[in-house]
Amino acid sequence: MKSGRSTGGPVASRRLGPNGEISDEKTREFRSRLLQEFEAWIQRQRR
C-alpha cells in the first residue's frame, strides 16, 4: 500500500493549497462570522 500513501501526500498538500488560499478563505469566512456573533453578543450585554 505504498502507492496509496505516496498519492495521499500530494493530495493533502494540494487540498491545503501551496499558498494556503483555500484554507485562508475558510479562516476569513470563519473570522467574519465570529466577529458578527461577538458584536451581537456585546450589544445584548449592554442592554
PDB file of N, CA and C in Angstrom:
ATOM      1  N   MET A   1       0.840  -1.215   0.000  1.00  0.00           N
ATOM      2  CA  MET A   1       0.000   0.000   0.000  1.00  0.00           C
ATOM      3  C   MET A   1       0.873   1.262   0.000  1.00  0.00           C
ATOM      4  N   LYS A   2       2.094   1.093  -0.527  1.00  0.00           N
ATOM      5  CA  LYS A   2       2.974   2.270  -0.576  1.00  0.00           C
ATOM      6  C   LYS A   2       2.456   3.303  -1.577  1.00  0.00           C
ATOM      7  N   SER A   3       1.863   2.803  -2.678  1.00  0.00           N
ATOM      8  CA  SER A   3       1.376   3.718  -3.711  1.00  0.00           C
ATOM      9  C   SER A   3       0.276   4.632  -3.150  1.00  0.00           C
ATOM     10  N   GLY A   4      -0.604   4.073  -2.320  1.00  0.00           N
ATOM     11  CA  GLY A   4      -1.680   4.868  -1.733  1.00  0.00           C
ATOM     12  C   GLY A   4      -1.134   5.986  -0.872  1.00  0.00           C
ATOM     13  N   ARG A   5      -0.077   5.663  -0.124  1.00  0.00           N
ATOM     14  CA  ARG A   5       0.493   6.671   0.767  1.00  0.00           C
ATOM     15  C   ARG A   5       1.125   7.806  -0.054  1.00  0.00           C
ATOM     16  N   SER A   6       1.829   7.425  -1.138  1.00  0.00           N
ATOM     17  CA  SER A   6       2.507   8.435  -1.959  1.00  0.00           C
ATOM     18  C   SER A   6       1.490   9.364  -2.628  1.00  0.00           C
ATOM     19  N   THR A   7       0.350   8.776  -3.081  1.00  0.00           N
ATOM     20  CA  THR A   7      -0.662   9.601  -3.735  1.00  0.00           C
ATOM     21  C   THR A   7      -1.385  10.474  -2.705  1.00  0.00           C
ATOM     22  N   GLY A   8      -1.529   9.972  -1.485  1.00  0.00           N
ATOM     23  CA  GLY A   8      -2.236  10.725  -0.452  1.00  0.00           C
ATOM     24  C   GLY A   8      -1.460  11.963  -0.030  1.00  0.00           C
ATOM     25  N   GLY A   9      -0.136  11.920  -0.125  1.00  0.00           N
ATOM     26  CA  GLY A   9       0.693  13.061   0.292  1.00  0.00           C
ATOM     27  C   GLY A   9       0.395  14.320  -0.510  1.00  0.00           C
ATOM     28  N   PRO A  10       0.627  14.288  -1.826  1.00  0.00           N
ATOM     29  CA  PRO A  10       0.409  15.482  -2.651  1.00  0.00           C
ATOM     30  C   PRO A  10      -1.038  15.957  -2.632  1.00  0.00           C
ATOM     31  N   VAL A  11      -1.972  15.004  -2.523  1.00  0.00           N
ATOM     32  CA  VAL A  11      -3.399  15.386  -2.498  1.00  0.00           C
ATOM     33  C   VAL A  11      -3.688  16.226  -1.259  1.00  0.00           C
ATOM     34  N   ALA A  12      -3.134  15.805  -0.122  1.00  0.00           N
ATOM     35  CA  ALA A  12      -3.371  16.533   1.125  1.00  0.00           C
ATOM     36  C   ALA A  12      -2.783  17.934   1.030  1.00  0.00           C
ATOM     37  N   SER A  13      -1.564  18.029   0.481  1.00  0.00           N
ATOM     38  CA  SER A  13      -0.917  19.339   0.380  1.00  0.00           C
ATOM     39  C   SER A  13      -1.677  20.222  -0.608  1.00  0.00           C
ATOM     40  N   ARG A  14      -2.193  19.575  -1.685  1.00  0.00           N
ATOM     41  CA  ARG A  14      -2.944  20.339  -2.674  1.00  0.00           C
ATOM     42  C   ARG A  14      -4.244  20.856  -2.071  1.00  0.00           C
ATOM     43  N   ARG A  15      -4.836  20.047  -1.184  1.00  0.00           N
ATOM     44  CA  ARG A  15      -6.097  20.455  -0.555  1.00  0.00           C
ATOM     45  C   ARG A  15      -5.871  21.723   0.266  1.00  0.00           C
ATOM     46  N   LEU A  16      -4.762  21.765   1.004  1.00  0.00           N
ATOM     47  CA  LEU A  16      -4.454  22.943   1.811  1.00  0.00           C
ATOM     48  C   LEU A  16      -4.090  24.121   0.919  1.00  0.00           C
ATOM     49  N   GLY A  17      -3.477  23.809  -0.238  1.00  0.00           N
ATOM     50  CA  GLY A  17      -3.056  24.860  -1.149  1.00  0.00           C
ATOM     51  C   GLY A  17      -1.637  25.297  -0.833  1.00  0.00           C
ATOM     52  N   PRO A  18      -0.774  25.413  -1.853  1.00  0.00           N
ATOM     53  CA  PRO A  18       0.622  25.812  -1.633  1.00  0.00           C
ATOM     54  C   PRO A  18       0.723  27.178  -0.978  1.00  0.00           C
ATOM     55  N   ASN A  19      -0.193  28.077  -1.372  1.00  0.00           N
ATOM     56  CA  ASN A  19      -0.197  29.424  -0.794  1.00  0.00           C
ATOM     57  C   ASN A  19      -1.213  29.554   0.334  1.00  0.00           C
ATOM     58  N   GLY A  20      -1.897  28.435   0.642  1.00  0.00           N
ATOM     59  CA  GLY A  20      -2.916  28.475   1.688  1.00  0.00           C
ATOM     60  C   GLY A  20      -4.125  29.281   1.277  1.00  0.00           C
ATOM     61  N   GLU A  21      -4.435  29.282  -0.018  1.00  0.00           N
ATOM     62  CA  GLU A  21      -5.561  30.088  -0.499  1.00  0.00           C
ATOM     63  C   GLU A  21      -6.894  29.542   0.018  1.00  0.00           C
ATOM     64  N   ILE A  22      -7.084  28.228  -0.142  1.00  0.00           N
ATOM     65  CA  ILE A  22      -8.361  27.625   0.256  1.00  0.00           C
ATOM     66  C   ILE A  22      -8.566  27.784   1.759  1.00  0.00           C
ATOM     67  N   SER A  23      -7.537  27.404   2.526  1.00  0.00           N
ATOM     68  CA  SER A  23      -7.651  27.480   3.982  1.00  0.00           C
ATOM     69  C   SER A  23      -7.810  28.938   4.418  1.00  0.00           C
ATOM     70  N   ASP A  24      -7.134  29.870   3.726  1.00  0.00           N
ATOM     71  CA  ASP A  24      -7.216  31.281   4.085  1.00  0.00           C
ATOM     72  C   ASP A  24      -8.637  31.790   3.879  1.00  0.00           C
ATOM     73  N   GLU A  25      -9.266  31.347   2.800  1.00  0.00           N
ATOM     74  CA  GLU A  25     -10.649  31.759   2.543  1.00  0.00           C
ATOM     75  C   GLU A  25     -11.563  31.298   3.665  1.00  0.00           C
ATOM     76  N   LYS A  26     -11.382  30.047   4.075  1.00  0.00           N
ATOM     77  CA  LYS A  26     -12.239  29.495   5.135  1.00  0.00           C
ATOM     78  C   LYS A  26     -12.004  30.241   6.440  1.00  0.00           C
ATOM     79  N   THR A  27     -10.743  30.527   6.765  1.00  0.00           N
ATOM     80  CA  THR A  27     -10.450  31.222   8.021  1.00  0.00           C
ATOM     81  C   THR A  27     -11.035  32.631   7.991  1.00  0.00           C
ATOM     82  N   ARG A  28     -10.976  33.288   6.836  1.00  0.00           N
ATOM     83  CA  ARG A  28     -11.521  34.641   6.725  1.00  0.00           C
ATOM     84  C   ARG A  28     -13.025  34.607   6.924  1.00  0.00           C
ATOM     85  N   GLU A  29     -13.678  33.603   6.307  1.00  0.00           N
ATOM     86  CA  GLU A  29     -15.133  33.463   6.452  1.00  0.00           C
ATOM     87  C   GLU A  29     -15.493  33.192   7.906  1.00  0.00           C
ATOM     88  N   PHE A  30     -14.724  32.297   8.539  1.00  0.00           N
ATOM     89  CA  PHE A  30     -14.979  31.938   9.930  1.00  0.00           C
ATOM     90  C   PHE A  30     -14.755  33.132  10.845  1.00  0.00           C
ATOM     91  N   ARG A  31     -13.703  33.925  10.564  1.00  0.00           N
ATOM     92  CA  ARG A  31     -13.374  35.072  11.410  1.00  0.00           C
ATOM     93  C   ARG A  31     -14.465  36.133  11.326  1.00  0.00           C
ATOM     94  N   SER A  32     -14.958  36.389  10.090  1.00  0.00           N
ATOM     95  CA  SER A  32     -16.001  37.412   9.922  1.00  0.00           C
ATOM     96  C   SER A  32     -17.273  36.983  10.643  1.00  0.00           C
ATOM     97  N   ARG A  33     -17.616  35.676  10.546  1.00  0.00           N
ATOM     98  CA  ARG A  33     -18.820  35.167  11.213  1.00  0.00           C
ATOM     99  C   ARG A  33     -18.663  35.286  12.717  1.00  0.00           C
ATOM    100  N   LEU A  34     -17.460  34.985  13.214  1.00  0.00           N
ATOM    101  CA  LEU A  34     -17.213  35.062  14.648  1.00  0.00           C
ATOM    102  C   LEU A  34     -17.325  36.506  15.116  1.00  0.00           C
ATOM    103  N   LEU A  35     -16.810  37.432  14.326  1.00  0.00           N
ATOM    104  CA  LEU A  35     -16.872  38.851  14.689  1.00  0.00           C
ATOM    105  C   LEU A  35     -18.322  39.320  14.781  1.00  0.00           C
ATOM    106  N   GLN A  36     -19.145  38.917  13.809  1.00  0.00           N
ATOM    107  CA  GLN A  36     -20.555  39.323  13.823  1.00  0.00           C
ATOM    108  C   GLN A  36     -21.256  38.794  15.067  1.00  0.00           C
ATOM    109  N   GLU A  37     -21.002  37.527  15.395  1.00  0.00           N
ATOM    110  CA  GLU A  37     -21.630  36.941  16.586  1.00  0.00           C
ATOM    111  C   GLU A  37     -21.149  37.656  17.846  1.00  0.00           C
ATOM    112  N   PHE A  38     -19.856  38.000  17.886  1.00  0.00           N
ATOM    113  CA  PHE A  38     -19.294  38.665  19.057  1.00  0.00           C
ATOM    114  C   PHE A  38     -19.914  40.050  19.238  1.00  0.00           C
ATOM    115  N   GLU A  39     -20.047  40.794  18.134  1.00  0.00           N
ATOM    116  CA  GLU A  39     -20.643  42.132  18.219  1.00  0.00           C
ATOM    117  C   GLU A  39     -22.089  42.046  18.686  1.00  0.00           C
ATOM    118  N   ALA A  40     -22.826  41.077  18.164  1.00  0.00           N
ATOM    119  CA  ALA A  40     -24.227  40.907  18.572  1.00  0.00           C
ATOM    120  C   ALA A  40     -24.302  40.585  20.059  1.00  0.00           C
ATOM    121  N   TRP A  41     -23.356  39.763  20.538  1.00  0.00           N
ATOM    122  CA  TRP A  41     -23.332  39.392  21.954  1.00  0.00           C
ATOM    123  C   TRP A  41     -23.047  40.619  22.818  1.00  0.00           C
ATOM    124  N   ILE A  42     -22.129  41.478  22.361  1.00  0.00           N
ATOM    125  CA  ILE A  42     -21.793  42.690  23.119  1.00  0.00           C
ATOM    126  C   ILE A  42     -23.023  43.597  23.205  1.00  0.00           C
ATOM    127  N   GLN A  43     -23.724  43.756  22.085  1.00  0.00           N
ATOM    128  CA  GLN A  43     -24.917  44.604  22.085  1.00  0.00           C
ATOM    129  C   GLN A  43     -25.968  44.058  23.050  1.00  0.00           C
ATOM    130  N   ARG A  44     -26.081  42.728  23.117  1.00  0.00           N
ATOM    131  CA  ARG A  44     -27.047  42.112  24.033  1.00  0.00           C
ATOM    132  C   ARG A  44     -26.633  42.376  25.481  1.00  0.00           C
ATOM    133  N   GLN A  45     -25.345  42.336  25.768  1.00  0.00           N
ATOM    134  CA  GLN A  45     -24.862  42.531  27.139  1.00  0.00           C
ATOM    135  C   GLN A  45     -25.065  43.972  27.597  1.00  0.00           C
ATOM    136  N   ARG A  46     -24.968  44.916  26.672  1.00  0.00           N
ATOM    137  CA  ARG A  46     -25.127  46.321  27.059  1.00  0.00           C
ATOM    138  C   ARG A  46     -26.531  46.599  27.572  1.00  0.00           C
ATOM    139  N   ARG A  47     -27.540  45.894  27.040  1.00  0.00           N
ATOM    140  CA  ARG A  47     -28.924  46.152  27.449  1.00  0.00           C
ATOM    141  C   ARG A  47     -29.213  45.626  28.813  1.00  0.00           C
TER     142      ARG A  47
END
